Amino acid sequence: MIKRFFILFLLCFMLTGCWDRHEINDVAFVIATGIDKVKNQYQVSFQIPLPSQLGGAGSKGGGGGTAGGNKNYYLDAARDTTVSGAIRKQQESLSRLLNFSHRRVLLIGEALAKSGVQESLDVVARNSINRLNAFLVVTKGQARDLLNADAPIEQFPAEMVRELAQGATKRPYTTKDFIEAQLSPGNDSIAPYFSVVKSNPGPKGKPQTMIKLDGFAVFNGDRETGVLKEEQATALLIAMNQARSPFSVKISPPSGKGSLDVLVTENNTQITPVMEQNQMKIRILFRGKGAIVENQSLFDIDTSGEQLDKLQQMTNRKFKSIMQQTINDLQNKYQSDPAGFGEAIYRKYPHVWHESLEKDWKTHYRNLQISVESLVRLENMGTINSSTKRKEGDAQ
């Protein structure tokens, strides 16, 4: 028994603890980081939840750095010639250790996005503690200003950005996807584009600052070259097969004035490179199912006659038009290939890509012939066929 206790006593010296442990009370979990370019320096902002402000109505806590000291988070920023240098400066003024393993969103100010994001993203991709499944977004103006928005619907502005970014595309488009698109041959990145707006509660209410998803920033290499909004943003997502159903589009009726709202409930896009007479071409086939959700015209829908066919033709003509215009702008105005036409060519015709297209892809991309075919079928006209608007000449 003495020998056994002696052996157990010696084994105690072989047991080790967590040498790199940190108490939870000594850690500041960063849920959002904003990076801006201010002159020749990087301005890095940090949003950190305040647990003392999240315990309910009876809890109290300081709002350190927030307006009025009554917000659920602490927000501060530091500047340096490098992103890592700004992080170190910020750490020097915090009593807790910054931890980025729970960061959900990475915000890039528009000035930085236009000047190039490659250097600022190096520290994000290089450090293993950073989560590459966080959402990368571009902000109108400085990223720090957006992190200061009220965003009363969620506890933190970062959470509102995350929810909007997650719902913007069919599959989550994360920081990893953004970086991979930049590294892939014949492909360019996109990022959700956010701005700060004011709510409209009426004359008796007090406006608050809200966060709005305005569209998508498109990149040529690591530089933002433009922003696509409204219908063009929808057309971009369709071309990328990233349009999240349901989404709506306004169309003109086959005859008369007014408009109809078509809700697309299912959609799928196929990109096919073809070689015709020694010339590379791209064919885009967009398929979908839709429904009429509102009729603000005098057009009556006859589900069994040729009127429905005309309405479907108008719908497909609309999608073809906005997609052709958007692709033309991407080719010539923005010089960006977020749909991955070059990558599609590379996968189907690797020898053609390496021999004649890879070295000067952007020039070939501008001259690439891209055709669009839309096959959207309207399956639901609602519970009524006739428009509820009065016909011209009806009794008032």
Protein backbone atom coordinates (compact mmCIF):
# COMPACT_ATOMS: atom_id res chain seq x y z
CA MET A 1 0.00 0.00 0.00
CA ILE A 2 2.89 2.35 0.81
CA LYS A 3 4.39 1.68 -2.63
CA ARG A 4 1.08 2.36 -4.31
CA PHE A 5 0.59 5.68 -2.52
CA PHE A 6 4.17 6.62 -3.35
CA ILE A 7 3.57 5.91 -7.06
CA LEU A 8 0.34 7.93 -7.02
CA PHE A 9 2.20 10.77 -5.30
CA LEU A 10 4.84 10.77 -8.07
CA LEU A 11 2.16 10.74 -10.76
CA CYS A 12 0.81 14.03 -9.42
CA PHE A 13 3.96 15.77 -10.64
CA MET A 14 3.23 14.53 -14.16
CA LEU A 15 -0.19 16.17 -14.28
CA THR A 16 -0.20 19.55 -16.06
CA GLY A 17 -2.72 22.36 -16.15
CA CYS A 18 -3.75 24.66 -19.03
CA TRP A 19 -0.59 26.71 -19.41
CA ASP A 20 -2.25 29.26 -21.71
CA ARG A 21 -5.57 29.57 -19.86
CA HIS A 22 -7.30 32.91 -19.32
CA GLU A 23 -10.09 33.50 -16.86
CA ILE A 24 -13.38 34.53 -18.49
CA ASN A 25 -13.32 37.75 -16.48
CA ASP A 26 -9.99 38.66 -18.07
CA VAL A 27 -11.12 38.27 -21.71
CA ALA A 28 -12.84 40.81 -23.99
CA PHE A 29 -14.69 38.96 -26.77
CA VAL A 30 -14.74 41.01 -29.98
CA ILE A 31 -17.93 40.43 -31.98
CA ALA A 32 -17.16 42.90 -34.78
CA THR A 33 -14.12 44.63 -36.22
CA GLY A 34 -14.17 47.62 -38.52
CA ILE A 35 -11.15 48.58 -40.63
CA ASP A 36 -10.89 52.02 -42.23
CA LYS A 37 -8.20 53.83 -44.19
CA VAL A 38 -7.49 57.27 -42.73
CA LYS A 39 -4.73 59.00 -44.71
CA ASN A 40 -1.79 56.58 -44.54
CA GLN A 41 -2.98 54.68 -41.48
CA TYR A 42 -5.38 51.90 -40.67
CA GLN A 43 -8.13 52.69 -38.17
CA VAL A 44 -9.31 49.50 -36.49
CA SER A 45 -12.54 49.58 -34.47
CA PHE A 46 -13.67 46.97 -31.96
CA GLN A 47 -17.16 46.19 -30.70
CA ILE A 48 -17.18 44.29 -27.41
CA PRO A 49 -20.34 43.17 -25.53
CA LEU A 50 -20.73 44.36 -21.93
CA PRO A 51 -22.05 41.43 -19.85
CA SER A 52 -23.07 43.79 -17.04
CA GLN A 53 -25.53 45.48 -19.42
CA LEU A 54 -27.09 42.23 -20.61
CA GLY A 55 -28.41 40.87 -17.31
CA GLY A 56 -31.87 42.44 -17.42
CA ALA A 57 -33.64 45.54 -16.21
CA GLY A 58 -32.14 45.43 -12.73
CA SER A 59 -28.50 45.22 -13.79
CA LYS A 60 -26.22 48.17 -14.08
CA GLY A 61 -22.98 48.73 -15.88
CA GLY A 62 -20.81 51.28 -17.57
CA GLY A 63 -21.17 51.94 -21.24
CA GLY A 64 -17.46 52.71 -21.69
CA GLY A 65 -17.03 54.67 -24.86
CA THR A 66 -20.69 54.65 -25.88
CA ALA A 67 -23.06 57.60 -26.03
CA GLY A 68 -24.76 58.09 -22.70
CA GLY A 69 -23.11 55.00 -21.20
CA ASN A 70 -26.30 52.96 -21.60
CA LYS A 71 -25.49 50.69 -24.54
CA ASN A 72 -24.82 46.98 -24.40
CA TYR A 73 -21.37 47.25 -25.92
CA TYR A 74 -18.05 49.02 -25.74
CA LEU A 75 -16.71 50.58 -28.94
CA ASP A 76 -13.26 52.01 -29.44
CA ALA A 77 -10.70 52.42 -32.21
CA ALA A 78 -6.95 52.77 -32.66
CA ARG A 79 -4.74 53.79 -35.59
CA ASP A 80 -1.43 52.55 -36.88
CA THR A 81 0.39 51.92 -40.15
CA THR A 82 -0.57 48.23 -39.90
CA VAL A 83 -3.71 46.45 -38.72
CA SER A 84 -1.79 44.33 -36.20
CA GLY A 85 -0.13 47.49 -34.87
CA ALA A 86 -3.54 49.11 -34.29
CA ILE A 87 -4.69 45.98 -32.45
CA ARG A 88 -1.63 46.14 -30.18
CA LYS A 89 -2.27 49.82 -29.43
CA GLN A 90 -5.87 49.06 -28.53
CA GLN A 91 -4.76 46.21 -26.25
CA GLU A 92 -2.54 48.62 -24.31
CA SER A 93 -5.62 50.60 -23.23
CA LEU A 94 -7.76 47.60 -22.24
CA SER A 95 -7.65 45.70 -18.98
CA ARG A 96 -8.88 42.54 -20.70
CA LEU A 97 -7.29 40.41 -23.39
CA LEU A 98 -8.82 40.90 -26.84
CA ASN A 99 -10.19 37.64 -28.21
CA PHE A 100 -11.32 37.40 -31.87
CA SER A 101 -12.46 33.78 -31.93
CA HIS A 102 -16.13 34.82 -31.64
CA ARG A 103 -16.08 37.63 -34.19
CA ARG A 104 -19.08 37.43 -36.49
CA VAL A 105 -18.61 40.33 -38.90
CA LEU A 106 -15.67 42.15 -40.44
CA LEU A 107 -16.51 45.62 -41.75
CA ILE A 108 -14.38 47.33 -44.41
CA GLY A 109 -14.78 51.08 -44.90
CA GLU A 110 -15.41 52.14 -48.50
CA ALA A 111 -12.23 54.24 -48.70
CA LEU A 112 -10.17 51.17 -47.79
CA ALA A 113 -12.15 48.95 -50.16
CA LYS A 114 -11.42 51.29 -53.07
CA SER A 115 -7.70 51.51 -52.26
CA GLY A 116 -7.27 47.72 -51.87
CA VAL A 117 -8.00 45.24 -49.08
CA GLN A 118 -5.22 42.71 -49.59
CA GLU A 119 -2.84 44.07 -46.94
CA SER A 120 -5.55 44.59 -44.33
CA LEU A 121 -6.88 41.04 -44.77
CA ASP A 122 -3.46 39.45 -44.36
CA VAL A 123 -3.66 39.43 -40.58
CA VAL A 124 -7.20 38.00 -40.74
CA ALA A 125 -6.20 35.04 -42.89
CA ARG A 126 -2.82 34.48 -41.23
CA ASN A 127 -3.90 34.30 -37.58
CA SER A 128 -5.64 31.00 -36.78
CA ILE A 129 -7.75 32.54 -34.02
CA ASN A 130 -9.74 34.53 -36.57
CA ARG A 131 -12.95 32.91 -37.83
CA LEU A 132 -13.07 32.84 -41.62
CA ASN A 133 -16.80 32.08 -41.49
CA ALA A 134 -17.43 35.64 -40.30
CA PHE A 135 -19.24 37.88 -42.79
CA LEU A 136 -17.13 40.46 -44.62
CA VAL A 137 -19.07 43.58 -45.63
CA VAL A 138 -18.30 47.00 -47.09
CA THR A 139 -19.72 50.14 -45.46
CA LYS A 140 -20.67 53.47 -46.96
CA GLY A 141 -18.35 55.91 -45.19
CA GLN A 142 -16.38 54.68 -42.20
CA ALA A 143 -16.96 51.27 -40.69
CA ARG A 144 -16.72 52.78 -37.20
CA ASP A 145 -19.79 54.96 -37.87
CA LEU A 146 -21.89 51.95 -38.77
CA LEU A 147 -20.86 50.15 -35.57
CA ASN A 148 -22.15 53.21 -33.68
CA ALA A 149 -25.67 52.93 -35.13
CA ASP A 150 -28.58 52.47 -32.72
CA ALA A 151 -29.93 49.28 -34.40
CA PRO A 152 -32.63 48.88 -31.69
CA ILE A 153 -34.06 45.65 -33.12
CA GLU A 154 -30.93 43.70 -32.10
CA GLN A 155 -28.71 43.93 -29.03
CA PHE A 156 -25.67 44.97 -31.07
CA PRO A 157 -25.21 46.65 -34.47
CA ALA A 158 -22.89 43.76 -35.36
CA GLU A 159 -25.73 41.29 -34.89
CA MET A 160 -27.98 43.26 -37.24
CA VAL A 161 -25.24 43.31 -39.89
CA ARG A 162 -24.78 39.56 -39.50
CA GLU A 163 -28.48 38.79 -39.87
CA LEU A 164 -28.84 40.99 -42.96
CA ALA A 165 -25.68 39.58 -44.58
CA GLN A 166 -26.75 36.00 -43.88
CA GLY A 167 -30.14 36.54 -45.49
CA ALA A 168 -28.78 38.37 -48.54
CA THR A 169 -27.59 35.32 -50.47
CA LYS A 170 -28.73 31.74 -51.08
CA ARG A 171 -25.61 30.36 -49.39
CA PRO A 172 -23.70 32.34 -46.73
CA TYR A 173 -20.97 34.37 -48.44
CA THR A 174 -18.24 34.56 -45.80
CA THR A 175 -14.74 35.98 -45.44
CA LYS A 176 -13.40 32.63 -46.62
CA ASP A 177 -15.47 32.86 -49.82
CA PHE A 178 -14.29 36.44 -50.37
CA ILE A 179 -10.62 35.45 -50.09
CA GLU A 180 -11.02 32.28 -52.15
CA ALA A 181 -12.69 34.24 -54.97
CA GLN A 182 -9.70 36.59 -55.08
CA LEU A 183 -7.30 33.65 -55.27
CA SER A 184 -9.29 31.68 -57.86
CA PRO A 185 -8.45 32.08 -61.56
CA GLY A 186 -11.12 33.96 -63.50
CA ASN A 187 -13.15 35.07 -60.50
CA ASP A 188 -13.73 38.25 -58.48
CA SER A 189 -15.20 38.94 -55.06
CA ILE A 190 -18.36 40.66 -53.90
CA ALA A 191 -19.38 41.95 -50.47
CA PRO A 192 -22.70 43.16 -49.04
CA TYR A 193 -22.80 46.96 -48.99
CA PHE A 194 -24.26 48.64 -45.88
CA SER A 195 -25.15 52.19 -44.94
CA VAL A 196 -26.58 54.02 -41.92
CA VAL A 197 -30.09 55.45 -42.33
CA LYS A 198 -32.61 57.06 -40.00
CA SER A 199 -35.92 55.49 -39.03
CA ASN A 200 -39.16 57.32 -39.82
CA PRO A 201 -41.42 57.09 -36.73
CA GLY A 202 -43.46 60.17 -37.67
CA PRO A 203 -43.68 63.64 -36.06
CA LYS A 204 -44.37 62.27 -32.57
CA GLY A 205 -41.54 59.77 -32.59
CA LYS A 206 -37.79 60.13 -32.21
CA PRO A 207 -35.78 58.93 -35.24
CA GLN A 208 -33.07 56.39 -34.60
CA THR A 209 -30.16 55.31 -36.75
CA MET A 210 -30.66 51.98 -38.48
CA ILE A 211 -28.49 49.74 -40.67
CA LYS A 212 -29.56 49.13 -44.25
CA LEU A 213 -28.37 46.62 -46.84
CA ASP A 214 -28.04 48.81 -49.96
CA GLY A 215 -26.66 46.29 -52.45
CA PHE A 216 -23.37 44.59 -53.25
CA ALA A 217 -19.89 45.99 -53.75
CA VAL A 218 -18.04 44.35 -56.66
CA PHE A 219 -14.27 44.01 -56.80
CA ASN A 220 -11.62 43.89 -59.49
CA GLY A 221 -8.81 42.05 -57.75
CA ASP A 222 -8.67 43.48 -54.23
CA ARG A 223 -10.20 46.88 -55.11
CA GLU A 224 -13.84 47.85 -55.05
CA THR A 225 -14.86 49.22 -58.44
CA GLY A 226 -18.56 49.84 -57.90
CA VAL A 227 -21.80 49.06 -56.09
CA LEU A 228 -24.82 47.32 -57.61
CA LYS A 229 -28.19 48.21 -56.08
CA GLU A 230 -31.85 47.22 -56.41
CA GLU A 231 -32.59 45.35 -59.66
CA GLN A 232 -28.92 45.15 -60.66
CA ALA A 233 -28.08 43.62 -57.29
CA THR A 234 -30.79 41.00 -57.91
CA ALA A 235 -29.43 40.34 -61.41
CA LEU A 236 -25.91 39.91 -59.99
CA LEU A 237 -27.09 37.28 -57.50
CA ILE A 238 -29.05 35.49 -60.25
CA ALA A 239 -25.92 35.30 -62.41
CA MET A 240 -23.98 33.91 -59.43
CA ASN A 241 -26.81 31.46 -58.61
CA GLN A 242 -26.92 33.15 -55.22
CA ALA A 243 -30.38 34.74 -55.42
CA ARG A 244 -32.29 33.75 -52.33
CA SER A 245 -35.96 32.90 -52.88
CA PRO A 246 -38.37 34.47 -52.59
CA PHE A 247 -37.50 37.77 -54.26
CA SER A 248 -39.69 40.12 -56.27
CA VAL A 249 -39.42 42.24 -59.40
CA LYS A 250 -41.77 44.79 -60.94
CA ILE A 251 -42.89 44.27 -64.52
CA SER A 252 -45.02 46.28 -66.92
CA PRO A 253 -48.29 44.74 -68.09
CA PRO A 254 -48.58 43.53 -71.70
CA SER A 255 -50.98 46.43 -72.29
CA GLY A 256 -51.98 49.56 -70.45
CA LYS A 257 -50.32 51.46 -67.63
CA GLY A 258 -49.29 50.45 -64.12
CA SER A 259 -47.17 47.55 -62.90
CA LEU A 260 -47.34 44.05 -61.46
CA ASP A 261 -45.21 42.51 -58.73
CA VAL A 262 -43.85 39.05 -59.54
CA LEU A 263 -42.56 36.99 -56.63
CA VAL A 264 -40.00 34.36 -57.67
CA THR A 265 -40.36 31.42 -55.29
CA GLU A 266 -37.82 29.04 -56.89
CA ASN A 267 -34.78 29.80 -59.03
CA ASN A 268 -31.67 28.20 -60.44
CA THR A 269 -28.96 29.46 -62.81
CA GLN A 270 -26.63 27.49 -65.07
CA ILE A 271 -23.50 28.96 -66.69
CA THR A 272 -22.23 27.05 -69.72
CA PRO A 273 -19.08 27.98 -71.68
CA VAL A 274 -19.22 26.97 -75.35
CA MET A 275 -16.64 27.12 -78.14
CA GLU A 276 -18.14 28.18 -81.47
CA GLN A 277 -15.98 28.83 -84.54
CA ASN A 278 -12.86 29.21 -82.39
CA GLN A 279 -14.61 31.84 -80.26
CA MET A 280 -15.42 31.37 -76.58
CA LYS A 281 -18.97 32.24 -75.52
CA ILE A 282 -20.99 32.04 -72.32
CA ARG A 283 -24.61 30.97 -72.09
CA ILE A 284 -26.64 31.73 -68.98
CA LEU A 285 -29.88 29.83 -68.38
CA PHE A 286 -32.12 31.16 -65.61
CA ARG A 287 -35.06 29.00 -64.56
CA GLY A 288 -37.67 29.89 -61.98
CA LYS A 289 -41.22 29.66 -60.71
CA GLY A 290 -43.19 32.73 -59.77
CA ALA A 291 -46.47 34.18 -58.60
CA ILE A 292 -48.31 37.46 -59.01
CA VAL A 293 -48.55 39.06 -55.57
CA GLU A 294 -49.89 42.50 -56.56
CA ASN A 295 -51.51 43.99 -59.64
CA GLN A 296 -51.41 47.78 -59.80
CA SER A 297 -52.56 47.91 -63.40
CA LEU A 298 -55.82 47.50 -65.32
CA PHE A 299 -54.60 44.26 -66.86
CA ASP A 300 -56.84 41.24 -66.20
CA ILE A 301 -55.06 37.89 -65.94
CA ASP A 302 -56.74 35.06 -67.78
CA THR A 303 -55.03 31.95 -66.44
CA SER A 304 -56.34 29.78 -69.25
CA GLY A 305 -55.75 32.05 -72.23
CA GLU A 306 -53.02 33.84 -74.12
CA GLN A 307 -52.90 36.69 -71.58
CA LEU A 308 -50.98 34.46 -69.18
CA ASP A 309 -48.50 33.65 -71.95
CA LYS A 310 -48.02 37.35 -72.62
CA LEU A 311 -47.47 37.98 -68.94
CA GLN A 312 -44.83 35.26 -68.75
CA GLN A 313 -43.12 36.69 -71.82
CA MET A 314 -43.02 40.13 -70.19
CA THR A 315 -41.58 38.59 -67.01
CA ASN A 316 -38.82 36.76 -68.88
CA ARG A 317 -38.11 39.81 -71.00
CA LYS A 318 -37.65 41.82 -67.80
CA PHE A 319 -35.20 39.34 -66.28
CA LYS A 320 -33.25 39.07 -69.53
CA SER A 321 -33.03 42.85 -69.82
CA ILE A 322 -31.75 43.54 -66.30
CA MET A 323 -29.30 40.64 -66.45
CA GLN A 324 -27.86 41.70 -69.83
CA GLN A 325 -27.48 45.30 -68.62
CA THR A 326 -25.85 44.22 -65.36
CA ILE A 327 -23.41 41.88 -67.10
CA ASN A 328 -22.55 44.61 -69.60
CA ASP A 329 -21.77 47.00 -66.72
CA LEU A 330 -19.67 44.33 -64.99
CA GLN A 331 -17.68 43.76 -68.18
CA ASN A 332 -17.08 47.38 -69.17
CA LYS A 333 -17.83 49.75 -66.30
CA TYR A 334 -16.63 47.77 -63.30
CA GLN A 335 -14.31 45.23 -64.99
CA SER A 336 -15.34 42.63 -62.44
CA ASP A 337 -16.20 38.94 -62.88
CA PRO A 338 -18.02 37.93 -59.68
CA ALA A 339 -20.13 35.32 -61.52
CA GLY A 340 -16.95 33.38 -62.26
CA PHE A 341 -17.23 33.19 -66.06
CA GLY A 342 -13.46 32.81 -66.29
CA GLU A 343 -13.48 30.03 -63.71
CA ALA A 344 -16.24 28.22 -65.66
CA ILE A 345 -14.10 28.38 -68.80
CA TYR A 346 -11.06 27.18 -66.86
CA ARG A 347 -12.94 24.13 -65.56
CA LYS A 348 -14.44 23.10 -68.92
CA TYR A 349 -11.63 24.17 -71.27
CA PRO A 350 -8.43 24.21 -69.17
CA HIS A 351 -6.15 24.07 -72.21
CA VAL A 352 -7.87 27.08 -73.82
CA TRP A 353 -7.66 28.98 -70.54
CA HIS A 354 -3.93 28.38 -70.05
CA GLU A 355 -2.96 28.85 -73.70
CA SER A 356 -4.86 31.99 -74.65
CA LEU A 357 -7.02 33.52 -71.88
CA GLU A 358 -5.24 33.38 -68.52
CA LYS A 359 -2.51 35.97 -69.15
CA ASP A 360 -4.89 38.74 -70.23
CA TRP A 361 -8.24 37.58 -68.91
CA LYS A 362 -9.68 41.04 -68.20
CA THR A 363 -9.25 42.08 -71.84
CA HIS A 364 -10.87 38.86 -73.05
CA TYR A 365 -13.59 39.28 -70.45
CA ARG A 366 -14.59 42.71 -71.80
CA ASN A 367 -15.03 41.21 -75.27
CA LEU A 368 -16.66 37.97 -74.13
CA GLN A 369 -20.04 37.30 -75.75
CA ILE A 370 -22.55 36.43 -73.02
CA SER A 371 -26.14 35.48 -73.82
CA VAL A 372 -28.99 35.17 -71.30
CA GLU A 373 -32.09 33.01 -71.50
CA SER A 374 -34.84 33.34 -68.90
CA LEU A 375 -37.46 30.63 -68.34
CA VAL A 376 -39.65 31.79 -65.47
CA ARG A 377 -43.05 30.10 -65.23
CA LEU A 378 -45.90 31.85 -63.43
CA GLU A 379 -47.90 29.29 -61.46
CA ASN A 380 -49.98 31.31 -59.02
CA MET A 381 -52.08 34.34 -59.96
CA GLY A 382 -53.71 34.78 -56.57
CA THR A 383 -57.37 34.31 -55.64
CA ILE A 384 -58.69 36.79 -58.24
CA ASN A 385 -58.03 37.29 -61.94
CA SER A 386 -59.36 40.80 -62.49
CA SER A 387 -57.61 43.88 -61.19
CA THR A 388 -59.26 45.59 -58.23
CA LYS A 389 -58.58 48.98 -59.84
CA ARG A 390 -61.51 50.56 -61.61
CA LYS A 391 -61.54 50.32 -65.36
CA GLU A 392 -61.21 53.53 -67.31
CA GLY A 393 -64.70 54.83 -67.95
CA ASP A 394 -66.29 52.88 -65.07
CA ALA A 395 -68.83 54.75 -62.93
CA GLN A 396 -67.28 56.53 -60.00
